């Protein structure tokens, strides 16, 4: 937390925690108010400078950016700057709050990090209030300016009498009145006696620790994320300091997202069952068509004229295409229905198995393949084999006429992800069809030009998604293609 005067006299307030956040001492900040800007990540610096220039126009600016500390560690910050006006409405100070949101960027720790961030912020406010015990008269104006500038709800109440001792402007605006001097459970809840869920007892037992909890206020019809802590009031009594963040929209979005995810999961499950049952039940009549077609050709080929024989060959070709389609559809539906638990996958073994399987088509097409080192990952071994085989099959299938196919497979690690690139010298494609090539049954070429069912790359995408990864491609007509797969090196337990 910081506040700087606009008359050029320097900082009015700098919290000690700013040293930990920026890796810059308070003395450096006092000597150079723009010292924090030197720590901003080079890729974010220009944007942050432009946003800061709009502060006087907008009054409040919130942004997120990366910083690089003196030890080289990169962190994410949420920075809120705002203009503080005097009683006549003239800007006199700029205040700000910089919060470390590095872990929040990682979705799985978002809620935990928000609790920790809140605790830090409440601790900072509590420290300020404690210091006011001996400096209250001299610093009261400054404290109130900072206190009332917060957009979050904050108030102080007596632990014994429940009297509301102080609220910030955000809380008064939310209630539509100033409840100072009233009784908290009457003002905030409309009750005649203390709330059953009052946290006074809990925070007393925690002996100065912050207590975080969630609450839905029926009067305001809003959800809040709340932090409570006991602090000392200037007269020496214990009071409850509370900070509440309105998370109503977040809760609403979270609920809607959960409902949509559940509906999508049900739809996908039903689709998988349908695809499996439909394709499985189609195989028996198809086998009979193939079997009787073969018998006709073997037993009665001499009795058929050329036209009749052609009809039977067409029927057999169509049945074979149908068999391929059903097999691919079954493979697509079994990605989830017959999936195996994730375990360590030796990618060298994967590629040896894949290359051994495709060796006949490599020889037939005079193709070549180069395989670089690929790090081991966690996943379903058989599905990773299927993924790599389909990608290489695709590269070989769509090779240029009279040009032997050549496929290069390379890999590298970025963060906790393994990048695998499959590059070929084939016919390529226009990238405007990028989404289409990964959609089941979608083909860019007729079946008489290139064989296939239009399921192979859809299977690839399904496997990659099951492994919490991504797949895309870069290409242009006549210039070959590069398929890019990103997979986590390690997986969470399914």
Protein backbone atom coordinates (compact mmCIF):
# COMPACT_ATOMS: atom_id res chain seq x y z
CA UNK A 1 0.00 0.00 0.00
CA UNK A 2 1.31 3.44 -0.83
CA UNK A 3 0.23 7.06 -1.12
CA UNK A 4 2.19 9.83 -2.82
CA UNK A 5 1.51 13.59 -2.83
CA UNK A 6 0.93 15.32 -6.15
CA UNK A 7 2.88 18.40 -5.06
CA UNK A 8 6.16 16.50 -5.58
CA UNK A 9 7.02 16.24 -1.86
CA UNK A 10 7.26 12.45 -2.07
CA UNK A 11 5.48 9.52 -0.49
CA UNK A 12 2.95 10.06 2.25
CA UNK A 13 2.89 6.39 3.11
CA UNK A 14 4.78 3.25 2.07
CA UNK A 15 3.97 -0.13 3.62
CA UNK A 16 6.91 -2.32 4.56
CA UNK A 17 5.55 -5.16 2.38
CA UNK A 18 6.38 -3.18 -0.78
CA UNK A 19 10.02 -4.25 -0.34
CA UNK A 20 9.00 -7.92 -0.54
CA UNK A 21 6.72 -7.38 -3.53
CA UNK A 22 9.07 -5.36 -5.73
CA UNK A 23 12.42 -6.36 -4.26
CA UNK A 24 13.18 -2.63 -3.83
CA UNK A 25 13.94 -0.99 -0.49
CA UNK A 26 11.77 1.76 0.98
CA UNK A 27 14.74 4.12 0.75
CA UNK A 28 15.02 3.46 -3.00
CA UNK A 29 11.32 4.19 -3.38
CA UNK A 30 11.64 7.45 -1.45
CA UNK A 31 14.56 8.53 -3.62
CA UNK A 32 12.90 7.46 -6.86
CA UNK A 33 9.06 7.20 -6.86
CA UNK A 34 9.26 5.44 -10.25
CA UNK A 35 11.65 2.75 -9.01
CA UNK A 36 8.85 0.20 -9.17
CA UNK A 37 8.66 0.69 -12.95
CA UNK A 38 12.21 -0.62 -13.38
CA UNK A 39 11.08 -3.97 -11.93
CA UNK A 40 8.21 -4.37 -14.43
CA UNK A 41 8.70 -7.16 -16.97
CA UNK A 42 9.97 -5.72 -20.31
CA UNK A 43 6.99 -7.17 -22.18
CA UNK A 44 4.53 -5.43 -19.84
CA UNK A 45 6.37 -2.15 -19.27
CA UNK A 46 5.02 -0.19 -22.24
CA UNK A 47 1.43 -1.20 -21.47
CA UNK A 48 1.77 -0.32 -17.78
CA UNK A 49 3.24 3.09 -18.62
CA UNK A 50 0.36 3.85 -21.01
CA UNK A 51 -2.21 2.76 -18.43
CA UNK A 52 -0.58 4.91 -15.76
CA UNK A 53 -0.80 7.95 -18.06
CA UNK A 54 -4.61 7.57 -18.03
CA UNK A 55 -4.88 7.78 -14.22
CA UNK A 56 -5.76 11.49 -14.06
CA UNK A 57 -8.37 11.01 -16.78
CA UNK A 58 -10.05 7.94 -15.30
CA UNK A 59 -9.48 8.49 -11.60
CA UNK A 60 -8.94 4.79 -10.93
CA UNK A 61 -6.83 2.24 -12.82
CA UNK A 62 -6.59 -1.46 -12.15
CA UNK A 63 -4.11 -3.61 -14.00
CA UNK A 64 -2.12 -6.81 -13.74
CA UNK A 65 1.47 -7.20 -14.81
CA UNK A 66 4.65 -9.14 -14.18
CA UNK A 67 7.72 -7.96 -12.31
CA UNK A 68 11.22 -9.37 -12.10
CA UNK A 69 12.71 -9.15 -8.63
CA UNK A 70 16.37 -8.57 -7.91
CA UNK A 71 16.97 -12.34 -7.51
CA UNK A 72 15.52 -12.97 -10.98
CA UNK A 73 12.20 -14.42 -9.81
CA UNK A 74 9.16 -13.38 -11.87
CA UNK A 75 5.92 -12.52 -10.06
CA UNK A 76 2.45 -11.39 -11.10
CA UNK A 77 0.97 -8.27 -9.47
CA UNK A 78 -2.49 -6.76 -9.34
CA UNK A 79 -2.01 -2.98 -9.11
CA UNK A 80 -4.78 -0.51 -8.28
CA UNK A 81 -4.03 3.21 -8.47
CA UNK A 82 -6.51 5.95 -7.68
CA UNK A 83 -6.71 9.71 -7.28
CA UNK A 84 -7.49 11.01 -3.77
CA UNK A 85 -9.29 14.37 -3.72
CA UNK A 86 -9.56 16.92 -0.93
CA UNK A 87 -12.89 18.19 0.42
CA UNK A 88 -13.18 20.62 -2.54
CA UNK A 89 -12.74 17.84 -5.08
CA UNK A 90 -9.19 18.75 -6.08
CA UNK A 91 -6.72 15.90 -6.58
CA UNK A 92 -4.04 15.96 -3.88
CA UNK A 93 -2.66 12.46 -3.71
CA UNK A 94 -2.33 9.24 -5.64
CA UNK A 95 -2.92 6.08 -3.63
CA UNK A 96 -2.29 2.54 -4.62
CA UNK A 97 -2.39 -1.07 -3.63
CA UNK A 98 -0.09 -3.65 -5.22
CA UNK A 99 -1.07 -7.27 -4.58
CA UNK A 100 0.94 -10.36 -5.48
CA UNK A 101 -1.43 -12.61 -7.49
CA UNK A 102 1.13 -15.08 -8.83
CA UNK A 103 -0.60 -18.16 -7.42
CA UNK A 104 -4.04 -16.90 -8.36
CA UNK A 105 -2.97 -17.00 -12.01
CA UNK A 106 -2.76 -20.75 -11.49
CA UNK A 107 -6.44 -21.63 -11.53
CA UNK A 108 -6.23 -24.56 -9.16
CA UNK A 109 -4.95 -22.29 -6.35
CA UNK A 110 -7.18 -19.29 -7.12
CA UNK A 111 -9.40 -19.44 -4.03
CA UNK A 112 -6.56 -20.37 -1.68
CA UNK A 113 -4.44 -17.51 -2.95
CA UNK A 114 -7.28 -15.03 -2.58
CA UNK A 115 -7.57 -16.02 1.08
CA UNK A 116 -3.83 -15.55 1.59
CA UNK A 117 -3.86 -12.21 -0.24
CA UNK A 118 -6.75 -11.05 1.92
CA UNK A 119 -4.94 -12.08 5.07
CA UNK A 120 -1.91 -10.05 4.02
CA UNK A 121 -4.07 -7.03 3.25
CA UNK A 122 -5.98 -7.30 6.53
CA UNK A 123 -2.71 -7.70 8.40
CA UNK A 124 -1.38 -4.54 6.78
CA UNK A 125 -4.52 -2.62 7.71
CA UNK A 126 -4.43 -4.05 11.24
CA UNK A 127 -0.80 -3.00 11.66
CA UNK A 128 -1.70 0.51 10.57
CA UNK A 129 -4.57 0.65 13.07
CA UNK A 130 -2.31 -0.60 15.86
CA UNK A 131 0.21 2.15 15.12
CA UNK A 132 -2.60 4.70 15.28
CA UNK A 133 -2.94 4.01 19.05
CA UNK A 134 -0.08 6.44 19.70
CA UNK A 135 -0.39 8.61 16.59
CA UNK A 136 -4.18 8.75 16.10
CA UNK A 137 -4.67 12.50 16.40
CA UNK A 138 -1.74 13.38 14.14
CA UNK A 139 -2.52 10.73 11.47
CA UNK A 140 -6.32 10.54 11.58
CA UNK A 141 -6.89 12.48 8.35
CA UNK A 142 -4.37 10.40 6.46
CA UNK A 143 -5.81 7.14 7.76
CA UNK A 144 -9.38 8.12 6.87
CA UNK A 145 -8.32 9.08 3.34
CA UNK A 146 -6.81 5.64 2.79
CA UNK A 147 -9.62 3.82 4.66
CA UNK A 148 -12.34 5.45 2.60
CA UNK A 149 -10.56 4.96 -0.71
CA UNK A 150 -10.91 1.16 -0.58
CA UNK A 151 -13.61 -0.25 -2.87
CA UNK A 152 -14.05 -3.24 -0.53
CA UNK A 153 -16.39 -3.12 2.47
CA UNK A 154 -14.61 -2.45 5.79
CA UNK A 155 -15.89 -1.71 9.26
CA UNK A 156 -14.92 -1.84 12.95
CA UNK A 157 -17.28 -2.99 15.74
CA UNK A 158 -17.00 -3.31 19.52
CA UNK A 159 -16.59 -6.95 20.61
CA UNK A 160 -18.80 -6.60 23.70
CA UNK A 161 -21.50 -4.07 22.81
CA UNK A 162 -21.57 -4.76 19.02
CA UNK A 163 -21.51 -1.00 18.41
CA UNK A 164 -20.36 0.01 14.94
CA UNK A 165 -17.35 2.25 15.54
CA UNK A 166 -16.32 3.01 11.96
CA UNK A 167 -17.28 2.10 8.38
CA UNK A 168 -15.68 3.11 5.12
CA UNK A 169 -17.50 4.95 2.35
CA UNK A 170 -17.88 1.80 0.27
CA UNK A 171 -19.87 0.15 3.08
CA UNK A 172 -22.03 3.22 3.71
CA UNK A 173 -22.79 3.42 0.00
CA UNK A 174 -23.71 -0.26 -0.11
CA UNK A 175 -26.10 0.08 2.86
CA UNK A 176 -27.48 3.42 1.68
CA UNK A 177 -26.73 4.96 5.08
CA UNK A 178 -23.94 5.49 7.62
CA UNK A 179 -24.44 2.87 10.37
CA UNK A 180 -21.74 4.29 12.67
CA UNK A 181 -23.02 4.30 16.27
CA UNK A 182 -25.62 1.63 15.57
CA UNK A 183 -25.60 -2.03 16.57
CA UNK A 184 -23.99 -4.22 13.92
CA UNK A 185 -26.56 -7.07 13.91
CA UNK A 186 -29.42 -4.57 13.65
CA UNK A 187 -27.80 -2.40 10.99
CA UNK A 188 -26.40 -5.18 8.82
CA UNK A 189 -28.82 -8.08 9.36
CA UNK A 190 -32.04 -6.54 10.70
CA UNK A 191 -31.89 -8.83 13.79
CA UNK A 192 -32.97 -7.99 17.34
CA UNK A 193 -30.18 -10.04 18.92
CA UNK A 194 -26.61 -11.08 18.00
CA UNK A 195 -26.33 -13.30 14.93
CA UNK A 196 -26.08 -17.07 15.41
CA UNK A 197 -23.11 -17.02 13.04
CA UNK A 198 -21.27 -14.15 14.77
CA UNK A 199 -17.51 -14.70 14.56
CA UNK A 200 -16.61 -12.91 17.82
CA UNK A 201 -16.10 -16.16 19.71
CA UNK A 202 -14.03 -17.71 16.91
CA UNK A 203 -11.64 -14.80 16.47
CA UNK A 204 -11.21 -14.57 20.26
CA UNK A 205 -10.15 -18.22 20.33
CA UNK A 206 -7.76 -17.66 17.42
CA UNK A 207 -5.90 -15.04 19.50
CA UNK A 208 -5.09 -12.46 16.88
CA UNK A 209 -5.14 -14.66 13.79
CA UNK A 210 -7.24 -13.76 10.74
CA UNK A 211 -10.44 -15.76 10.29
CA UNK A 212 -11.69 -16.10 6.70
CA UNK A 213 -15.25 -17.14 5.89
CA UNK A 214 -18.00 -16.79 3.29
CA UNK A 215 -21.43 -15.33 3.86
CA UNK A 216 -24.61 -14.55 1.91
CA UNK A 217 -26.36 -11.40 3.14
CA UNK A 218 -30.12 -11.85 2.60
CA UNK A 219 -30.88 -8.14 2.96
CA UNK A 220 -28.40 -7.10 0.25
CA UNK A 221 -28.78 -10.42 -1.58
CA UNK A 222 -25.03 -10.53 -2.06
CA UNK A 223 -22.24 -13.01 -1.37
CA UNK A 224 -19.13 -11.89 0.47
CA UNK A 225 -15.67 -13.26 1.18
CA UNK A 226 -14.91 -11.99 4.68
CA UNK A 227 -11.81 -11.66 6.87
CA UNK A 228 -12.17 -10.92 10.60
CA UNK A 229 -9.50 -10.11 13.17
CA UNK A 230 -9.27 -8.63 16.66
CA UNK A 231 -7.32 -5.39 16.92
CA UNK A 232 -6.75 -2.86 19.68
CA UNK A 233 -8.75 0.37 19.53
CA UNK A 234 -7.03 3.60 20.66
CA UNK A 235 -8.75 3.36 24.07
CA UNK A 236 -7.29 -0.14 24.59
CA UNK A 237 -10.42 -2.26 24.06
CA UNK A 238 -10.62 -5.18 21.64
CA UNK A 239 -12.60 -4.51 18.47
CA UNK A 240 -13.42 -6.59 15.43
CA UNK A 241 -11.96 -5.36 12.16
CA UNK A 242 -13.75 -6.82 9.14
CA UNK A 243 -13.00 -6.66 5.43
CA UNK A 244 -15.57 -8.05 3.01
CA UNK A 245 -15.14 -8.51 -0.73
CA UNK A 246 -18.28 -8.76 -2.87
CA UNK A 247 -18.01 -12.06 -4.77
CA UNK A 248 -21.64 -12.22 -5.92
CA UNK A 249 -20.83 -12.16 -9.64
CA UNK A 250 -17.98 -14.61 -9.17
CA UNK A 251 -20.30 -17.05 -7.36
CA UNK A 252 -22.94 -16.63 -10.04
CA UNK A 253 -20.44 -17.27 -12.82
CA UNK A 254 -18.99 -20.23 -10.92
CA UNK A 255 -22.44 -21.78 -10.54
CA UNK A 256 -23.33 -21.23 -14.21
CA UNK A 257 -19.98 -22.66 -15.31
CA UNK A 258 -20.49 -25.73 -13.13
CA UNK A 259 -23.99 -26.28 -14.53
CA UNK A 260 -22.74 -25.93 -18.11
CA UNK A 261 -19.84 -28.30 -17.42
CA UNK A 262 -22.21 -30.89 -15.96
CA UNK A 263 -24.58 -30.56 -18.92
CA UNK A 264 -21.68 -30.89 -21.36
CA UNK A 265 -20.36 -33.94 -19.51
CA UNK A 266 -23.80 -35.59 -19.69
CA UNK A 267 -24.09 -34.77 -23.38
CA UNK A 268 -20.62 -36.13 -24.13
CA UNK A 269 -21.30 -39.30 -22.17
CA UNK A 270 -24.56 -39.88 -24.04
CA UNK A 271 -22.84 -39.20 -27.36
CA UNK A 272 -20.07 -41.65 -26.56
CA UNK A 273 -22.56 -44.36 -25.58
CA UNK A 274 -24.54 -43.76 -28.74
CA UNK A 275 -21.45 -43.85 -30.96
CA UNK A 276 -20.22 -47.06 -29.34
CA UNK A 277 -23.57 -48.86 -29.47
CA UNK A 278 -24.38 -47.67 -32.99
CA UNK A 279 -21.02 -48.62 -34.44
CA UNK A 280 -20.91 -51.92 -32.53
CA UNK A 281 -24.39 -52.97 -33.70
CA UNK A 282 -23.56 -52.09 -37.30
CA UNK A 283 -20.67 -54.52 -37.48
CA UNK A 284 -22.69 -57.75 -37.59
CA UNK A 285 -24.82 -56.90 -40.67
CA UNK A 286 -21.72 -55.42 -42.30
CA UNK A 287 -19.81 -58.69 -41.80
CA UNK A 288 -22.65 -60.55 -43.49
CA UNK A 289 -22.55 -58.18 -46.45
CA UNK A 290 -18.81 -58.73 -46.75
CA UNK A 291 -19.10 -62.51 -46.29
CA UNK A 292 -21.90 -63.01 -48.84
CA UNK A 293 -20.13 -60.67 -51.27
CA UNK A 294 -17.01 -62.81 -51.03
CA UNK A 295 -19.05 -66.00 -51.57
CA UNK A 296 -20.69 -64.53 -54.64
CA UNK A 297 -17.32 -63.68 -56.14
CA UNK A 298 -15.83 -67.09 -55.30
CA UNK A 299 -18.74 -69.39 -56.25
CA UNK A 300 -20.52 -67.48 -58.98
CA UNK A 301 -17.89 -65.29 -60.59
CA UNK A 302 -17.97 -67.44 -63.76
CA UNK A 303 -21.75 -67.04 -64.01
CA UNK A 304 -21.66 -63.23 -63.76
CA UNK A 305 -21.07 -60.92 -66.64
CA UNK A 306 -18.63 -58.00 -66.27
CA UNK A 307 -21.37 -55.63 -65.17
CA UNK A 308 -22.55 -57.99 -62.42
CA UNK A 309 -18.99 -58.53 -61.22
CA UNK A 310 -18.49 -54.76 -61.14
CA UNK A 311 -21.58 -54.37 -58.97
CA UNK A 312 -20.21 -56.88 -56.46
CA UNK A 313 -16.78 -55.19 -56.39
CA UNK A 314 -18.44 -51.83 -55.75
CA UNK A 315 -20.50 -53.38 -52.95
CA UNK A 316 -17.36 -54.89 -51.38
CA UNK A 317 -15.46 -51.60 -51.64
CA UNK A 318 -18.34 -49.76 -50.02
CA UNK A 319 -18.53 -52.39 -47.27
CA UNK A 320 -14.78 -52.05 -46.65
CA UNK A 321 -15.10 -48.26 -46.41
CA UNK A 322 -17.99 -48.75 -44.00
CA UNK A 323 -15.84 -51.13 -41.94
CA UNK A 324 -13.08 -48.52 -41.75
CA UNK A 325 -15.58 -45.87 -40.73
CA UNK A 326 -17.08 -48.05 -37.99
CA UNK A 327 -13.63 -49.00 -36.69
CA UNK A 328 -12.60 -45.35 -36.51
CA UNK A 329 -15.87 -44.40 -34.85
CA UNK A 330 -15.37 -47.13 -32.25
CA UNK A 331 -11.82 -45.92 -31.64
CA UNK A 332 -13.13 -42.37 -31.21
CA UNK A 333 -15.79 -43.44 -28.66
CA UNK A 334 -13.36 -45.64 -26.72
CA UNK A 335 -10.96 -42.79 -25.93
CA UNK A 336 -12.89 -42.18 -22.72
CA UNK A 337 -14.93 -45.37 -22.33
CA UNK A 338 -11.88 -47.66 -22.41
CA UNK A 339 -9.25 -45.27 -21.15
CA UNK A 340 -6.54 -46.50 -18.80
CA UNK A 341 -5.19 -44.65 -15.74
CA UNK A 342 -2.31 -42.24 -16.35
CA UNK A 343 1.17 -43.54 -15.63
CA UNK A 344 4.72 -42.76 -16.69
CA UNK A 345 5.03 -43.10 -20.48
CA UNK A 346 8.43 -43.78 -22.02
CA UNK A 347 8.25 -41.83 -25.26
CA UNK A 348 11.19 -43.74 -26.74
CA UNK A 349 9.15 -46.95 -26.42
CA UNK A 350 6.14 -45.17 -27.90
CA UNK A 351 8.05 -44.09 -31.00
CA UNK A 352 9.67 -47.51 -31.45
CA UNK A 353 6.23 -49.11 -31.47
CA UNK A 354 4.80 -46.47 -33.84
CA UNK A 355 7.69 -46.66 -36.31
CA UNK A 356 7.46 -50.46 -36.30
CA UNK A 357 3.73 -50.29 -37.07
CA UNK A 358 4.03 -47.81 -39.96
CA UNK A 359 7.14 -49.38 -41.50
CA UNK A 360 5.16 -51.07 -44.34
CA UNK A 361 3.62 -47.79 -45.54
CA UNK A 362 6.99 -46.06 -45.21
CA UNK A 363 8.53 -48.63 -47.54
CA UNK A 364 5.59 -48.45 -49.94
CA UNK A 365 5.92 -44.67 -50.24
CA UNK A 366 9.75 -44.58 -49.99
CA UNK A 367 9.19 -42.33 -46.98
CA UNK A 368 11.63 -41.44 -44.22
CA UNK A 369 11.16 -40.38 -40.62
CA UNK A 370 13.49 -38.65 -38.14
CA UNK A 371 12.71 -38.89 -34.44
CA UNK A 372 14.44 -36.60 -31.95
CA UNK A 373 14.60 -37.00 -28.18
CA UNK A 374 11.18 -36.75 -26.53
CA UNK A 375 10.96 -36.50 -22.70
CA UNK A 376 8.84 -38.98 -20.78
CA UNK A 377 5.37 -37.78 -19.77
CA UNK A 378 2.46 -39.07 -17.73
CA UNK A 379 -0.46 -40.44 -19.70
CA UNK A 380 -2.20 -43.45 -21.25
CA UNK A 381 0.49 -45.38 -23.15
CA UNK A 382 -1.84 -46.87 -25.78
CA UNK A 383 -3.50 -43.53 -26.45
CA UNK A 384 -0.15 -41.74 -26.83
CA UNK A 385 0.85 -44.45 -29.33
CA UNK A 386 -2.44 -43.87 -31.21
CA UNK A 387 -1.85 -40.09 -31.16
CA UNK A 388 1.64 -40.28 -32.65
CA UNK A 389 0.66 -42.96 -35.18
CA UNK A 390 -2.29 -40.93 -36.44
CA UNK A 391 -0.16 -37.78 -36.84
CA UNK A 392 2.56 -39.62 -38.75
CA UNK A 393 -0.01 -41.52 -40.86
CA UNK A 394 -1.55 -38.19 -41.75
CA UNK A 395 1.83 -36.72 -42.79
CA UNK A 396 2.61 -39.72 -44.99
CA UNK A 397 -0.86 -39.91 -46.54
CA UNK A 398 -0.90 -36.29 -47.70
CA UNK A 399 2.50 -36.25 -49.40
CA UNK A 400 3.20 -34.58 -52.72
CA UNK A 401 2.93 -36.63 -55.88
CA UNK A 402 6.33 -38.05 -56.94
CA UNK A 403 7.95 -36.65 -53.78
CA UNK A 404 8.77 -39.24 -51.07
CA UNK A 405 7.30 -38.19 -47.72
CA UNK A 406 9.69 -37.05 -45.02
CA UNK A 407 8.57 -36.60 -41.40
CA UNK A 408 10.59 -34.94 -38.62
CA UNK A 409 9.57 -35.25 -34.97
CA UNK A 410 11.11 -32.90 -32.42
CA UNK A 411 10.36 -31.91 -28.86
CA UNK A 412 11.25 -29.45 -26.12
CA UNK A 413 10.08 -28.53 -22.62
CA UNK A 414 8.53 -25.19 -21.72
CA UNK A 415 7.55 -24.78 -18.09
CA UNK A 416 5.60 -27.88 -17.07
CA UNK A 417 4.58 -28.69 -20.65
CA UNK A 418 6.15 -30.96 -23.26
CA UNK A 419 5.98 -29.63 -26.84
CA UNK A 420 5.96 -32.23 -29.62
CA UNK A 421 6.16 -31.06 -33.24
CA UNK A 422 5.46 -33.34 -36.22
CA UNK A 423 6.70 -31.64 -39.41
CA UNK A 424 6.30 -32.98 -42.95
CA UNK A 425 7.02 -31.98 -46.56
CA UNK A 426 3.52 -32.76 -47.79
CA UNK A 427 0.83 -30.88 -49.68
CA UNK A 428 -0.06 -28.63 -46.72
CA UNK A 429 -3.38 -26.85 -46.32
CA UNK A 430 -4.89 -23.39 -45.93
CA UNK A 431 -4.97 -22.46 -42.23
CA UNK A 432 -8.49 -21.10 -42.58
CA UNK A 433 -9.52 -24.77 -42.40
CA UNK A 434 -7.57 -25.34 -39.16
CA UNK A 435 -10.63 -25.99 -36.95
CA UNK A 436 -12.22 -28.16 -39.59
CA UNK A 437 -9.38 -30.70 -39.83
CA UNK A 438 -9.80 -31.65 -36.15
CA UNK A 439 -13.59 -32.14 -36.47
CA UNK A 440 -14.87 -35.68 -36.84
CA UNK A 441 -15.87 -36.73 -40.40
CA UNK A 442 -14.58 -33.44 -41.85
CA UNK A 443 -12.28 -33.82 -44.87
CA UNK A 444 -10.51 -31.26 -47.05
CA UNK A 445 -10.16 -33.71 -49.96
CA UNK A 446 -12.46 -36.22 -51.67
CA UNK A 447 -12.13 -39.91 -50.84
CA UNK A 448 -10.97 -40.64 -54.41
CA UNK A 449 -8.01 -38.26 -53.93
CA UNK A 450 -6.87 -39.53 -50.50
CA UNK A 451 -8.21 -42.50 -48.57
CA UNK A 452 -9.48 -42.15 -45.02
CA UNK A 453 -12.61 -41.49 -42.98
CA UNK A 454 -11.98 -38.01 -41.55
CA UNK A 455 -11.70 -39.37 -38.00
CA UNK A 456 -7.93 -39.67 -37.43
CA UNK A 457 -7.19 -36.07 -36.42
CA UNK A 458 -10.43 -35.87 -34.40
CA UNK A 459 -9.11 -38.85 -32.41
CA UNK A 460 -5.84 -36.96 -31.92
CA UNK A 461 -7.62 -33.93 -30.51
CA UNK A 462 -9.78 -36.12 -28.22
CA UNK A 463 -6.71 -37.89 -26.85
CA UNK A 464 -4.84 -34.61 -26.30
CA UNK A 465 -7.83 -33.04 -24.52
CA UNK A 466 -8.15 -36.08 -22.26
CA UNK A 467 -4.49 -35.53 -21.35
CA UNK A 468 -5.18 -31.85 -20.51
CA UNK A 469 -3.17 -30.62 -23.48
CA UNK A 470 -3.67 -28.75 -26.74
CA UNK A 471 -3.13 -29.51 -30.41
CA UNK A 472 -2.88 -27.16 -33.38
CA UNK A 473 -1.08 -26.92 -36.71
CA UNK A 474 0.82 -24.50 -38.95
CA UNK A 475 0.68 -24.89 -42.71
CA UNK A 476 0.24 -23.34 -46.12
CA UNK A 477 -0.66 -25.02 -49.43
CA UNK A 478 2.31 -26.81 -51.01
CA UNK A 479 4.64 -26.03 -48.09
CA UNK A 480 4.06 -28.97 -45.78
CA UNK A 481 2.51 -28.96 -42.30
CA UNK A 482 3.66 -28.86 -38.70
CA UNK A 483 1.37 -30.31 -36.05
CA UNK A 484 2.07 -28.97 -32.56
CA UNK A 485 1.04 -30.96 -29.49
CA UNK A 486 1.46 -29.62 -25.95
CA UNK A 487 1.08 -32.16 -23.12
CA UNK A 488 1.69 -31.80 -19.36
CA UNK A 489 4.80 -33.56 -18.11
CA UNK A 490 2.78 -34.75 -15.12
CA UNK A 491 -0.94 -35.23 -14.64
CA UNK A 492 -3.23 -34.70 -11.69
CA UNK A 493 -4.97 -37.83 -10.42
CA UNK A 494 -8.01 -38.47 -12.61
